[in-house]
N, C-alpha and C. Protein backbone atom coordinates (compact mmCIF):
# COMPACT_ATOMS: atom_id res chain seq x y z
N MET A 1 0.62 -1.09 -0.25
CA MET A 1 -0.08 -0.62 -0.01
C MET A 1 1.23 0.95 -0.10
N SER A 2 0.77 2.11 -0.69
CA SER A 2 1.26 3.56 -1.50
C SER A 2 1.38 4.11 -0.29
N ARG A 3 2.54 5.32 0.14
CA ARG A 3 2.02 6.27 1.03
C ARG A 3 0.97 7.50 1.12
N ARG A 4 0.73 7.80 -0.03
CA ARG A 4 -0.03 7.93 -0.68
C ARG A 4 -1.66 8.06 0.05
N ILE A 5 -2.35 6.61 0.25
CA ILE A 5 -2.95 6.14 0.36
C ILE A 5 -3.15 5.60 1.70
N LEU A 6 -1.98 5.56 2.04
CA LEU A 6 -1.44 4.92 3.91
C LEU A 6 -2.49 6.81 4.88
N VAL A 7 -1.66 7.66 4.36
CA VAL A 7 -1.62 9.53 4.26
C VAL A 7 -2.89 9.53 4.14
N LEU A 8 -4.27 9.48 2.58
CA LEU A 8 -5.28 9.41 2.96
C LEU A 8 -6.26 8.88 4.08
N ILE A 9 -6.40 7.45 3.80
CA ILE A 9 -6.72 7.29 4.96
C ILE A 9 -7.51 7.02 7.26
N ALA A 10 -5.86 7.27 6.43
CA ALA A 10 -5.11 8.50 8.46
C ALA A 10 -6.00 10.42 7.91
N ILE A 11 -6.21 10.07 7.38
CA ILE A 11 -7.34 11.99 7.23
C ILE A 11 -8.98 11.69 7.51
N LEU A 12 -8.77 10.54 6.81
CA LEU A 12 -10.56 9.84 6.81
C LEU A 12 -11.05 9.66 8.13
N ALA A 13 -10.61 9.12 9.09
CA ALA A 13 -10.63 7.70 9.98
C ALA A 13 -10.06 9.07 10.51
N LEU A 14 -9.64 10.22 10.99
CA LEU A 14 -10.20 11.65 11.38
C LEU A 14 -10.93 12.05 11.11
N ALA A 15 -11.19 12.67 10.44
CA ALA A 15 -12.47 13.20 10.07
C ALA A 15 -13.49 12.78 10.20
N LEU A 16 -13.62 11.22 10.75
CA LEU A 16 -15.23 10.75 10.69
C LEU A 16 -15.51 11.24 12.74
N ALA A 17 -13.55 10.82 13.04
CA ALA A 17 -13.53 10.94 14.04
C ALA A 17 -14.31 12.41 15.29
N ILE A 18 -13.84 13.22 14.55
CA ILE A 18 -14.43 14.48 14.61
C ILE A 18 -15.89 14.53 14.40
N LEU A 19 -16.08 13.93 13.56
CA LEU A 19 -17.86 13.93 13.19
C LEU A 19 -18.37 13.74 15.26
N THR A 20 -17.98 12.83 14.88
CA THR A 20 -18.17 11.69 16.00
C THR A 20 -19.24 12.29 17.37
N GLY A 21 -17.29 12.88 17.19
CA GLY A 21 -17.27 13.79 18.40
C GLY A 21 -18.06 14.46 18.58
N LEU A 22 -18.78 15.17 17.72
CA LEU A 22 -19.04 16.79 17.09
C LEU A 22 -20.82 16.07 17.82
N ALA A 23 -21.26 14.85 16.59
CA ALA A 23 -21.78 14.12 17.37
C ALA A 23 -23.04 14.53 18.44
N VAL A 24 -22.20 14.29 19.30
CA VAL A 24 -22.12 12.60 20.21
C VAL A 24 -21.65 13.84 21.77
N ARG A 25 -21.38 15.70 21.01
CA ARG A 25 -21.03 16.21 22.61
C ARG A 25 -22.07 17.45 22.46
N LYS A 26 -23.03 17.48 20.86
CA LYS A 26 -23.99 18.35 20.77
C LYS A 26 -25.89 17.69 20.61
N GLY A 27 -25.02 15.56 20.95
CA GLY A 27 -26.49 14.89 21.82
C GLY A 27 -27.01 14.01 20.14
N VAL A 28 -26.30 14.48 18.92
CA VAL A 28 -27.09 13.66 18.05
C VAL A 28 -27.39 12.58 18.12
N LEU A 29 -26.18 11.30 18.92
CA LEU A 29 -26.36 10.22 18.91
C LEU A 29 -26.71 9.41 20.68
N GLY A 30 -27.21 10.83 21.41
CA GLY A 30 -27.92 10.33 22.76
C GLY A 30 -26.95 9.75 24.06
N PRO A 31 -27.14 9.55 25.03
CA PRO A 31 -25.70 9.76 26.31
C PRO A 31 -26.37 7.36 25.55
N PRO A 32 -25.18 6.91 25.93
CA PRO A 32 -25.04 5.47 26.12
C PRO A 32 -25.93 5.13 26.85
N ALA A 33 -26.80 4.23 26.00
CA ALA A 33 -28.06 3.11 26.26
C ALA A 33 -27.85 2.72 28.35
N GLN A 34 -28.17 2.73 28.87
CA GLN A 34 -27.98 2.35 30.82
C GLN A 34 -28.91 1.03 30.61
N THR A 35 -27.85 0.06 30.07
CA THR A 35 -28.05 -1.50 29.96
C THR A 35 -27.38 -2.43 31.53
N VAL A 36 -27.13 -1.77 32.01
CA VAL A 36 -26.78 -1.93 33.37
C VAL A 36 -27.69 -2.80 34.20
N THR A 37 -27.12 -3.74 34.97
CA THR A 37 -27.64 -3.24 35.95
C THR A 37 -27.16 -3.76 36.98
N LEU A 38 -27.32 -2.22 37.92
CA LEU A 38 -27.36 -2.72 38.93
C LEU A 38 -27.50 -2.49 41.05
N GLY A 39 -26.72 -3.46 41.88
CA GLY A 39 -28.73 -4.95 42.79
C GLY A 39 -28.17 -5.41 42.45
N GLY A 40 -28.26 -6.49 43.14
CA GLY A 40 -28.87 -7.72 42.59
C GLY A 40 -28.76 -8.23 44.24
N PRO A 41 -29.17 -9.66 44.75
CA PRO A 41 -28.82 -11.01 45.68
C PRO A 41 -28.23 -10.78 46.07
N PHE A 42 -28.49 -10.32 48.04
CA PHE A 42 -26.45 -10.45 48.63
C PHE A 42 -27.30 -11.27 50.44
N GLN A 43 -26.07 -11.74 50.72
CA GLN A 43 -26.32 -11.97 51.78
C GLN A 43 -25.93 -11.75 52.81
N LEU A 44 -26.10 -10.03 53.71
CA LEU A 44 -25.11 -9.44 54.90
C LEU A 44 -25.25 -9.80 56.09
N VAL A 45 -24.87 -9.61 57.12
CA VAL A 45 -24.48 -9.17 58.54
C VAL A 45 -25.23 -7.80 59.33
N ASP A 46 -25.64 -7.27 59.68
CA ASP A 46 -26.12 -6.17 60.18
C ASP A 46 -25.20 -5.83 61.59
N THR A 47 -25.60 -4.62 62.30
CA THR A 47 -24.56 -4.89 63.65
C THR A 47 -24.69 -5.36 64.76
N GLN A 48 -26.16 -6.42 64.59
CA GLN A 48 -27.07 -6.74 65.81
C GLN A 48 -26.61 -8.66 65.50
N GLY A 49 -25.53 -8.59 63.77
CA GLY A 49 -25.43 -10.21 64.32
C GLY A 49 -26.52 -11.11 63.00
N ARG A 50 -27.84 -10.06 63.18
CA ARG A 50 -28.66 -11.40 62.76
C ARG A 50 -28.47 -11.27 60.15
N THR A 51 -28.66 -12.14 60.07
CA THR A 51 -28.21 -12.22 58.75
C THR A 51 -29.63 -10.95 58.04
N VAL A 52 -29.22 -10.26 56.95
CA VAL A 52 -30.12 -9.91 56.44
C VAL A 52 -29.53 -9.69 55.08
N ASP A 53 -31.15 -9.66 54.31
CA ASP A 53 -30.54 -10.22 53.09
C ASP A 53 -30.65 -8.49 51.52
N GLN A 54 -30.99 -8.44 49.92
CA GLN A 54 -31.53 -7.52 49.11
C GLN A 54 -33.25 -6.58 49.45
N ASP A 55 -33.85 -7.72 50.53
CA ASP A 55 -34.97 -6.91 50.92
C ASP A 55 -35.61 -6.26 52.16
N LEU A 56 -33.51 -5.74 53.13
CA LEU A 56 -33.59 -4.74 53.40
C LEU A 56 -33.51 -3.88 53.15
N LEU A 57 -33.24 -3.05 51.79
CA LEU A 57 -33.43 -2.26 50.57
C LEU A 57 -35.08 -1.43 49.83
N ARG A 58 -35.93 -2.71 50.29
CA ARG A 58 -37.31 -2.93 50.12
C ARG A 58 -37.88 -1.86 50.94
N GLY A 59 -39.39 -1.01 50.20
CA GLY A 59 -39.91 0.50 52.04
C GLY A 59 -39.97 1.09 51.39
N LYS A 60 -38.43 1.56 51.86
CA LYS A 60 -37.60 2.81 51.79
C LYS A 60 -36.67 2.59 50.87
N TRP A 61 -36.26 4.10 50.13
CA TRP A 61 -35.17 5.05 49.38
C TRP A 61 -33.76 4.63 50.55
N SER A 62 -32.99 4.11 50.29
CA SER A 62 -31.91 3.81 50.65
C SER A 62 -30.74 3.97 49.47
N VAL A 63 -29.44 4.46 50.43
CA VAL A 63 -28.07 5.18 49.84
C VAL A 63 -27.13 3.89 49.79
N VAL A 64 -26.36 3.33 48.96
CA VAL A 64 -26.00 2.05 49.69
C VAL A 64 -24.74 2.53 49.52
N PHE A 65 -23.79 2.28 50.38
CA PHE A 65 -22.11 3.37 49.54
C PHE A 65 -20.86 2.19 50.43
N PHE A 66 -20.16 1.58 49.72
CA PHE A 66 -19.68 0.36 50.05
C PHE A 66 -18.47 1.40 51.00
N GLY A 67 -18.00 0.75 52.24
CA GLY A 67 -16.58 1.52 52.79
C GLY A 67 -15.91 0.34 54.13
N PHE A 68 -14.99 1.74 54.23
CA PHE A 68 -14.64 0.47 56.04
C PHE A 68 -14.26 1.77 57.08
N THR A 69 -14.64 0.71 57.92
CA THR A 69 -14.20 1.53 59.56
C THR A 69 -12.80 2.14 59.26
N HIS A 70 -11.92 1.48 58.86
CA HIS A 70 -10.72 2.40 58.91
C HIS A 70 -10.27 3.46 58.34
N CYS A 71 -10.84 3.68 57.04
CA CYS A 71 -11.32 4.65 56.60
C CYS A 71 -10.23 5.92 56.58
N PRO A 72 -9.18 6.38 56.53
CA PRO A 72 -9.04 7.76 56.58
C PRO A 72 -9.53 8.35 56.36
N ASP A 73 -10.17 8.67 54.61
CA ASP A 73 -10.99 10.28 54.12
C ASP A 73 -11.97 9.81 53.94
N ILE A 74 -12.53 9.39 52.72
CA ILE A 74 -13.20 9.11 52.40
C ILE A 74 -14.47 8.44 52.65
N CYS A 75 -14.83 7.82 53.45
CA CYS A 75 -15.32 7.27 54.48
C CYS A 75 -16.51 7.77 55.32
N PRO A 76 -14.92 8.85 56.00
CA PRO A 76 -15.94 9.62 56.98
C PRO A 76 -16.92 10.59 56.03
N THR A 77 -16.15 11.28 54.88
CA THR A 77 -16.72 12.52 54.61
C THR A 77 -17.85 12.06 54.01
N THR A 78 -18.10 11.23 53.45
CA THR A 78 -19.00 11.17 52.79
C THR A 78 -20.28 10.78 53.65
N LEU A 79 -19.23 10.05 54.98
CA LEU A 79 -21.36 10.14 55.75
C LEU A 79 -21.16 11.04 56.52
N PHE A 80 -20.48 12.00 57.35
CA PHE A 80 -20.62 13.22 57.00
C PHE A 80 -21.28 13.62 56.57
N GLU A 81 -21.23 13.74 55.06
CA GLU A 81 -21.62 14.44 53.52
C GLU A 81 -23.38 14.17 54.12
N LEU A 82 -23.75 12.78 54.57
CA LEU A 82 -25.56 12.37 54.02
C LEU A 82 -25.61 12.75 55.30
N GLY A 83 -25.09 12.72 56.70
CA GLY A 83 -25.27 12.88 57.97
C GLY A 83 -25.61 15.27 57.59
N GLN A 84 -25.07 15.28 56.83
CA GLN A 84 -25.99 16.65 56.72
C GLN A 84 -27.42 16.52 55.21
N VAL A 85 -27.05 15.57 54.88
CA VAL A 85 -27.84 15.38 53.76
C VAL A 85 -29.34 15.95 54.49
N GLU A 86 -29.64 14.82 55.20
CA GLU A 86 -30.98 13.62 56.38
C GLU A 86 -32.05 14.97 56.38
N PRO A 87 -30.98 16.05 56.93
CA PRO A 87 -32.21 17.60 57.72
C PRO A 87 -32.98 18.00 56.70
N MET A 88 -31.55 18.11 55.53
CA MET A 88 -32.48 18.80 54.04
C MET A 88 -33.61 18.27 53.19
N LEU A 89 -33.75 16.93 53.68
CA LEU A 89 -34.53 16.55 52.51
C LEU A 89 -36.39 16.35 53.22
N GLY A 90 -36.34 17.02 54.86
CA GLY A 90 -37.45 17.80 55.75
C GLY A 90 -38.37 16.20 56.57
N LYS A 91 -39.74 16.61 56.04
CA LYS A 91 -40.42 15.40 55.99
C LYS A 91 -40.58 14.10 55.41
N ASP A 92 -39.51 13.61 54.04
CA ASP A 92 -39.63 12.64 53.18
C ASP A 92 -38.35 11.92 54.00
N ALA A 93 -38.03 12.53 55.33
CA ALA A 93 -36.67 12.41 55.80
C ALA A 93 -36.63 10.14 56.57
N ASP A 94 -37.28 10.41 57.14
CA ASP A 94 -37.98 9.52 57.53
C ASP A 94 -38.04 8.32 56.24
N LYS A 95 -38.36 8.12 54.86
CA LYS A 95 -37.73 7.44 53.78
C LYS A 95 -37.03 6.92 53.63
N VAL A 96 -35.96 7.25 53.60
CA VAL A 96 -34.73 7.01 53.19
C VAL A 96 -33.49 6.73 55.10
N GLN A 97 -33.24 6.19 54.59
CA GLN A 97 -32.12 5.17 54.87
C GLN A 97 -30.43 5.15 54.02
N MET A 98 -29.51 4.83 54.82
CA MET A 98 -28.00 5.23 54.26
C MET A 98 -27.49 3.95 55.02
N VAL A 99 -27.30 2.67 53.90
CA VAL A 99 -26.89 1.74 53.63
C VAL A 99 -24.98 1.59 53.53
N LEU A 100 -24.00 1.30 54.99
CA LEU A 100 -22.86 1.02 54.75
C LEU A 100 -22.66 -0.41 54.91
N ILE A 101 -22.14 -0.99 53.44
CA ILE A 101 -21.39 -2.23 53.37
C ILE A 101 -19.81 -1.63 53.05
N SER A 102 -19.47 -2.55 54.44
CA SER A 102 -18.39 -2.96 54.50
C SER A 102 -17.67 -4.25 53.78
N VAL A 103 -15.83 -3.36 52.63
CA VAL A 103 -14.98 -3.68 52.26
C VAL A 103 -14.49 -4.89 52.69
N ASP A 104 -13.92 -4.73 54.06
CA ASP A 104 -12.89 -4.61 54.83
C ASP A 104 -13.93 -5.58 56.39
N PRO A 105 -13.93 -7.43 55.95
CA PRO A 105 -15.04 -8.00 57.08
C PRO A 105 -14.16 -8.12 57.60
N GLU A 106 -12.83 -7.73 57.16
CA GLU A 106 -12.11 -9.31 57.99
C GLU A 106 -11.76 -8.37 59.65
N ARG A 107 -11.98 -7.22 59.84
CA ARG A 107 -11.89 -6.02 60.60
C ARG A 107 -12.92 -5.94 61.24
N ASP A 108 -14.02 -5.50 60.13
CA ASP A 108 -15.30 -5.09 60.50
C ASP A 108 -16.15 -6.17 61.21
N THR A 109 -16.52 -6.67 62.09
CA THR A 109 -16.95 -7.45 62.34
C THR A 109 -18.66 -6.36 62.89
N PRO A 110 -19.65 -7.68 63.52
CA PRO A 110 -21.26 -6.67 63.68
C PRO A 110 -19.92 -6.11 65.00
N GLN A 111 -20.63 -5.67 65.79
CA GLN A 111 -19.52 -5.17 67.03
C GLN A 111 -18.82 -3.43 66.29
N GLN A 112 -17.71 -4.03 65.62
CA GLN A 112 -17.07 -3.22 64.72
C GLN A 112 -17.47 -1.95 64.57
N MET A 113 -18.79 -2.09 63.66
CA MET A 113 -19.78 -1.37 62.05
C MET A 113 -20.57 -0.68 63.19
N ALA A 114 -20.87 -1.53 64.43
CA ALA A 114 -21.83 -1.44 65.41
C ALA A 114 -21.53 0.67 65.51
N ALA A 115 -19.98 0.59 66.18
CA ALA A 115 -19.77 1.50 66.83
C ALA A 115 -19.28 2.62 66.18
N TYR A 116 -19.65 2.77 64.99
CA TYR A 116 -18.47 2.73 63.76
C TYR A 116 -20.23 3.88 63.30
N VAL A 117 -21.15 3.51 63.29
CA VAL A 117 -21.35 3.94 62.27
C VAL A 117 -23.35 4.55 63.50
N ASN A 118 -22.46 4.40 64.78
CA ASN A 118 -23.03 5.41 65.80
C ASN A 118 -22.66 6.53 66.22
N ASN A 119 -22.56 7.02 65.06
CA ASN A 119 -21.06 8.62 64.87
C ASN A 119 -21.86 9.55 65.12
N PRO A 120 -21.96 10.83 66.00
CA PRO A 120 -23.51 11.44 65.61
C PRO A 120 -23.01 12.58 64.70
N ALA A 121 -22.24 12.27 64.18
CA ALA A 121 -22.22 13.00 62.53
C ALA A 121 -22.51 12.37 61.69
N PHE A 122 -22.68 10.79 61.83
CA PHE A 122 -22.87 10.27 60.49
C PHE A 122 -24.89 10.33 60.44
N PRO A 123 -25.57 9.67 60.09
CA PRO A 123 -26.90 9.97 59.80
C PRO A 123 -27.58 8.81 60.37
N LYS A 124 -28.69 9.20 60.99
CA LYS A 124 -29.42 8.96 62.01
C LYS A 124 -30.07 7.61 62.08
N ARG A 125 -29.76 7.57 59.63
CA ARG A 125 -30.80 6.59 59.79
C ARG A 125 -29.55 5.45 59.17
N LEU A 126 -28.27 5.63 58.90
CA LEU A 126 -27.38 5.00 59.60
C LEU A 126 -27.19 2.52 59.34
N VAL A 127 -27.47 2.04 58.68
CA VAL A 127 -26.94 0.64 58.20
C VAL A 127 -25.87 0.34 58.55
N GLY A 128 -25.29 -0.52 59.17
CA GLY A 128 -24.05 -0.70 58.99
C GLY A 128 -24.48 -2.61 58.07
N LEU A 129 -23.52 -3.14 57.47
CA LEU A 129 -23.22 -3.94 57.15
C LEU A 129 -21.92 -4.40 57.00
N THR A 130 -21.97 -6.12 57.13
CA THR A 130 -20.55 -6.80 56.97
C THR A 130 -21.20 -8.94 56.85
N GLY A 131 -20.05 -8.52 56.94
CA GLY A 131 -20.15 -10.32 56.26
C GLY A 131 -18.87 -10.88 55.70
N THR A 132 -18.16 -12.14 55.30
CA THR A 132 -17.51 -12.80 55.08
C THR A 132 -17.13 -12.52 54.50
N PRO A 133 -15.65 -13.23 53.64
CA PRO A 133 -15.43 -11.93 52.56
C PRO A 133 -16.10 -12.42 51.56
N ALA A 134 -16.46 -13.91 51.41
CA ALA A 134 -17.33 -14.33 50.00
C ALA A 134 -19.08 -14.00 49.75
N GLN A 135 -18.80 -13.21 51.54
CA GLN A 135 -20.35 -12.14 51.61
C GLN A 135 -20.02 -10.68 51.51
N VAL A 136 -19.39 -10.64 50.79
CA VAL A 136 -19.17 -9.04 50.58
C VAL A 136 -18.14 -8.99 49.35
N ASP A 137 -18.28 -9.89 48.26
CA ASP A 137 -17.38 -10.48 47.54
C ASP A 137 -18.74 -10.42 46.71
N VAL A 138 -19.74 -10.93 46.81
CA VAL A 138 -21.17 -11.32 45.73
C VAL A 138 -21.80 -10.01 46.50
N ALA A 139 -21.89 -9.08 47.51
CA ALA A 139 -22.75 -7.89 47.20
C ALA A 139 -21.75 -6.92 45.91
N ALA A 140 -20.72 -7.05 46.41
CA ALA A 140 -20.01 -5.87 45.65
C ALA A 140 -20.02 -5.75 44.48
N LYS A 141 -19.50 -7.40 43.73
CA LYS A 141 -20.28 -7.54 42.22
C LYS A 141 -22.04 -6.88 41.91
N ALA A 142 -22.50 -7.94 43.11
CA ALA A 142 -24.05 -7.01 42.43
C ALA A 142 -23.34 -5.22 42.01
N TYR A 143 -23.10 -5.19 43.22
CA TYR A 143 -22.76 -3.36 42.72
C TYR A 143 -21.89 -3.20 41.27
N ARG A 144 -21.72 -3.80 40.81
CA ARG A 144 -19.78 -3.23 40.36
C ARG A 144 -18.47 -2.42 40.21
N VAL A 145 -18.91 -2.79 41.83
CA VAL A 145 -17.12 -2.24 42.68
C VAL A 145 -16.54 -2.50 43.26
N PHE A 146 -16.19 -2.11 42.65
CA PHE A 146 -14.49 -2.84 42.75
C PHE A 146 -13.59 -1.69 44.54
N TYR A 147 -12.96 -3.14 44.72
CA TYR A 147 -11.91 -2.53 45.50
C TYR A 147 -10.95 -4.06 46.16
N GLN A 148 -10.08 -3.57 46.81
CA GLN A 148 -8.65 -3.73 46.52
C GLN A 148 -7.56 -3.53 47.53
N LYS A 149 -8.19 -4.37 48.92
CA LYS A 149 -6.54 -5.13 50.23
C LYS A 149 -5.21 -4.31 49.48
N GLN A 150 -5.06 -3.58 49.72
CA GLN A 150 -3.31 -2.77 49.98
C GLN A 150 -2.20 -3.33 50.82
N VAL A 151 -1.02 -3.94 50.71
CA VAL A 151 -0.54 -4.03 52.24
C VAL A 151 -0.20 -2.51 52.17
N GLN A 152 0.27 -2.26 53.13
CA GLN A 152 1.05 -1.38 54.11
C GLN A 152 1.54 -1.36 54.56
N GLY A 153 3.44 -1.89 54.52
CA GLY A 153 3.90 -2.28 55.68
C GLY A 153 3.05 -3.06 56.80
N ASP A 154 2.92 -4.01 58.00
CA ASP A 154 2.15 -4.58 58.98
C ASP A 154 0.86 -4.38 59.65
N ASP A 155 0.06 -3.39 58.42
CA ASP A 155 -0.92 -2.13 58.68
C ASP A 155 -1.14 -3.03 57.04
N TYR A 156 -2.88 -2.90 56.32
CA TYR A 156 -2.69 -2.47 55.13
C TYR A 156 -4.38 -1.25 55.51
N THR A 157 -4.89 -0.61 53.70
CA THR A 157 -6.05 0.00 53.91
C THR A 157 -6.70 -0.09 52.49
N VAL A 158 -7.50 -0.69 51.84
CA VAL A 158 -8.79 -1.47 51.06
C VAL A 158 -8.52 0.13 50.46
N ASN A 159 -8.53 -0.66 48.57
CA ASN A 159 -8.38 0.77 48.07
C ASN A 159 -10.50 0.74 47.45
N HIS A 160 -11.68 1.19 46.91
CA HIS A 160 -12.63 1.21 46.87
C HIS A 160 -13.07 2.07 45.93
N ALA A 161 -13.92 2.07 45.70
CA ALA A 161 -15.16 3.49 44.66
C ALA A 161 -15.60 4.31 45.74
N ALA A 162 -15.32 5.66 45.15
CA ALA A 162 -16.39 6.70 46.00
C ALA A 162 -17.13 6.93 45.93
N TYR A 163 -18.36 6.78 44.67
CA TYR A 163 -19.71 6.92 44.14
C TYR A 163 -20.32 5.74 45.03
N SER A 164 -22.11 7.15 45.43
CA SER A 164 -23.71 5.70 46.19
C SER A 164 -24.05 5.55 44.71
N TYR A 165 -25.03 4.71 46.20
CA TYR A 165 -26.17 3.82 44.86
C TYR A 165 -27.23 4.74 45.21
N LEU A 166 -27.95 5.66 44.79
CA LEU A 166 -29.69 5.70 45.11
C LEU A 166 -29.78 3.84 44.26
N MET A 167 -30.92 4.34 46.09
CA MET A 167 -32.10 2.35 45.54
C MET A 167 -33.81 2.86 45.41
N ASN A 168 -34.51 2.66 44.30
CA ASN A 168 -36.20 3.00 44.79
C ASN A 168 -36.50 2.02 46.14
N PRO A 169 -37.26 2.50 46.88
CA PRO A 169 -38.64 1.61 47.50
C PRO A 169 -38.61 -0.13 46.60
N LYS A 170 -38.49 0.31 45.56
CA LYS A 170 -38.90 -1.26 44.94
C LYS A 170 -37.06 -2.27 45.23
N GLY A 171 -36.33 -2.08 45.66
CA GLY A 171 -34.28 -2.51 46.06
C GLY A 171 -34.34 -1.72 44.30
N LYS A 172 -35.00 -1.58 43.89
CA LYS A 172 -34.12 -1.62 42.13
C LYS A 172 -33.35 0.07 41.92
N PHE A 173 -31.89 -0.04 41.20
CA PHE A 173 -31.13 0.67 41.14
C PHE A 173 -31.59 2.34 40.80
N ALA A 174 -31.93 3.30 40.89
CA ALA A 174 -31.98 4.81 40.80
C ALA A 174 -31.44 5.90 39.82
N CYS A 175 -30.15 5.88 40.78
CA CYS A 175 -29.30 6.07 39.39
C CYS A 175 -27.49 6.28 40.97
N ILE A 176 -26.43 6.87 40.35
CA ILE A 176 -25.30 6.79 40.71
C ILE A 176 -25.51 8.44 41.68
N LEU A 177 -24.83 8.07 42.77
CA LEU A 177 -24.50 9.65 43.18
C LEU A 177 -23.25 9.15 43.46
N PRO A 178 -22.23 10.93 43.42
CA PRO A 178 -20.85 10.88 42.72
C PRO A 178 -20.51 10.93 44.07
N TYR A 179 -19.51 11.03 44.64
CA TYR A 179 -18.54 11.87 45.79
C TYR A 179 -18.86 12.46 44.91
N GLU A 180 -17.71 13.74 44.59
CA GLU A 180 -18.12 15.84 44.52
C GLU A 180 -19.63 15.54 44.51
N LEU A 181 -20.19 15.63 44.36
CA LEU A 181 -21.46 16.37 44.39
C LEU A 181 -21.88 17.25 46.18
N THR A 182 -22.42 17.84 46.47
CA THR A 182 -22.51 18.58 48.09
C THR A 182 -23.43 17.93 48.37
N PRO A 183 -23.75 18.08 49.95
CA PRO A 183 -24.67 17.64 50.17
C PRO A 183 -26.33 18.16 49.50
N GLU A 184 -26.21 20.21 49.36
CA GLU A 184 -27.35 20.05 48.78
C GLU A 184 -27.32 19.22 47.79
N GLN A 185 -26.40 19.04 46.19
CA GLN A 185 -26.98 18.64 45.13
C GLN A 185 -27.53 17.12 45.43
N THR A 186 -26.78 16.53 46.07
CA THR A 186 -27.02 15.00 46.62
C THR A 186 -28.67 14.54 46.61
N ALA A 187 -28.95 15.59 48.11
CA ALA A 187 -30.77 16.40 48.83
C ALA A 187 -31.23 16.03 47.26
N ALA A 188 -31.61 17.12 46.30
CA ALA A 188 -31.89 17.24 45.10
C ALA A 188 -31.86 16.44 44.54
N LYS A 189 -31.37 15.65 44.01
CA LYS A 189 -31.29 14.03 43.57
C LYS A 189 -32.55 13.23 44.58
N ILE A 190 -31.97 13.13 45.62
CA ILE A 190 -33.20 12.54 46.14
C ILE A 190 -34.73 12.64 45.67
N LYS A 191 -34.20 14.35 45.94
CA LYS A 191 -35.94 14.83 45.47
C LYS A 191 -36.54 14.33 44.36
N ALA A 192 -35.88 14.88 43.33
CA ALA A 192 -35.56 14.69 42.00
C ALA A 192 -36.33 12.89 41.85
N ALA A 193 -35.18 12.14 42.49
CA ALA A 193 -35.75 11.13 42.06
C ALA A 193 -37.29 10.56 42.69
N MET A 194 -37.00 11.10 44.04
CA MET A 194 -38.86 10.39 45.68
C MET A 194 -40.09 11.09 44.31
N ALA A 195 -39.78 12.59 43.39
CA ALA A 195 -40.77 13.21 43.01
C ALA A 195 -41.16 12.39 42.22
N GLN A 196 -40.80 10.66 41.46
CA GLN A 196 -40.68 10.59 39.65
C GLN A 196 -41.90 8.88 40.27
N GLY A 197 -41.77 9.04 42.22
CA GLY A 197 -42.20 7.69 42.18
C GLY A 197 -41.53 6.63 43.04
N ALA A 198 -41.92 5.64 43.36
CA ALA A 198 -41.23 4.47 44.15
C ALA A 198 -40.28 3.41 43.07
N ASN A 199 -41.00 3.72 41.44
CA ASN A 199 -40.44 2.94 40.38
C ASN A 199 -39.75 3.90 39.84
N ALA A 200 -39.24 4.96 40.18
CA ALA A 200 -38.33 5.60 39.91
C ALA A 200 -37.00 5.20 39.29
N THR A 201 -36.04 5.36 38.14
CA THR A 201 -34.64 5.41 37.45
C THR A 201 -33.86 6.05 37.50
N SER A 202 -34.27 7.33 37.61
CA SER A 202 -33.44 8.22 37.37
C SER A 202 -33.59 9.08 37.96
N CYS A 203 -32.56 9.79 38.45
CA CYS A 203 -32.76 11.20 39.47
C CYS A 203 -31.93 12.78 39.63
C-alpha cells in the first residue's frame, strides 16, 4: 500500500472521529444506553449479628455506600455529608435509609460496625452491614464495586470506589451519587427521584 493511500486513510479516520465527537457533544447520538443492571441478591450481617438480604432495601429509599471503618478520608467524609443531607430532606427524611456495606470484613465485625455507625456526625438512619469475605464479594459484584486490599508495612488499607447508589423503594437502582456532589446536590437528586415515585430509575 502506497504512502499516499495510507495518508488518505488516516485523514478520513480523523475526520470521522471528529464528526462523531461533535455528534455526541451535540446530543445527536444520545447518551449511552443504560443497560447495566446494578444491585442484586446479597446476604450480609447487620450490627446486631442478624442475617439480612436485599429485602432490606425494600420499602424505603436507600443510599448504599461501600466503605470500611478504618477508612481515613473518603468514608467519613461521605457519611458526614450524608448526615447533612438527612435534615435537608425535611418530612421525607424518614423515607430514606443510608446503608454502609463494609469492604473490610476481616476487621469490620458487627461490633466494630455498630460502634462506627453510631458516630453522632453520621446519618441517624445509618445501617451498617458486614459479612464473610465471600458474602462481601457477592454484594460488591452485584453493585459492580471495585475494592482491593493494599498492604502498607505491617498494616493494610482498602482501595475502593467512592460513589454511592440511590436505590428506589422497590430495591431497584435509581442513580449514582458521585463523591463530588455537595450535600445540597445530593439532597436535590434524592428529591428528584422521589418525585418520580417508587419506581424511579433516574434522579
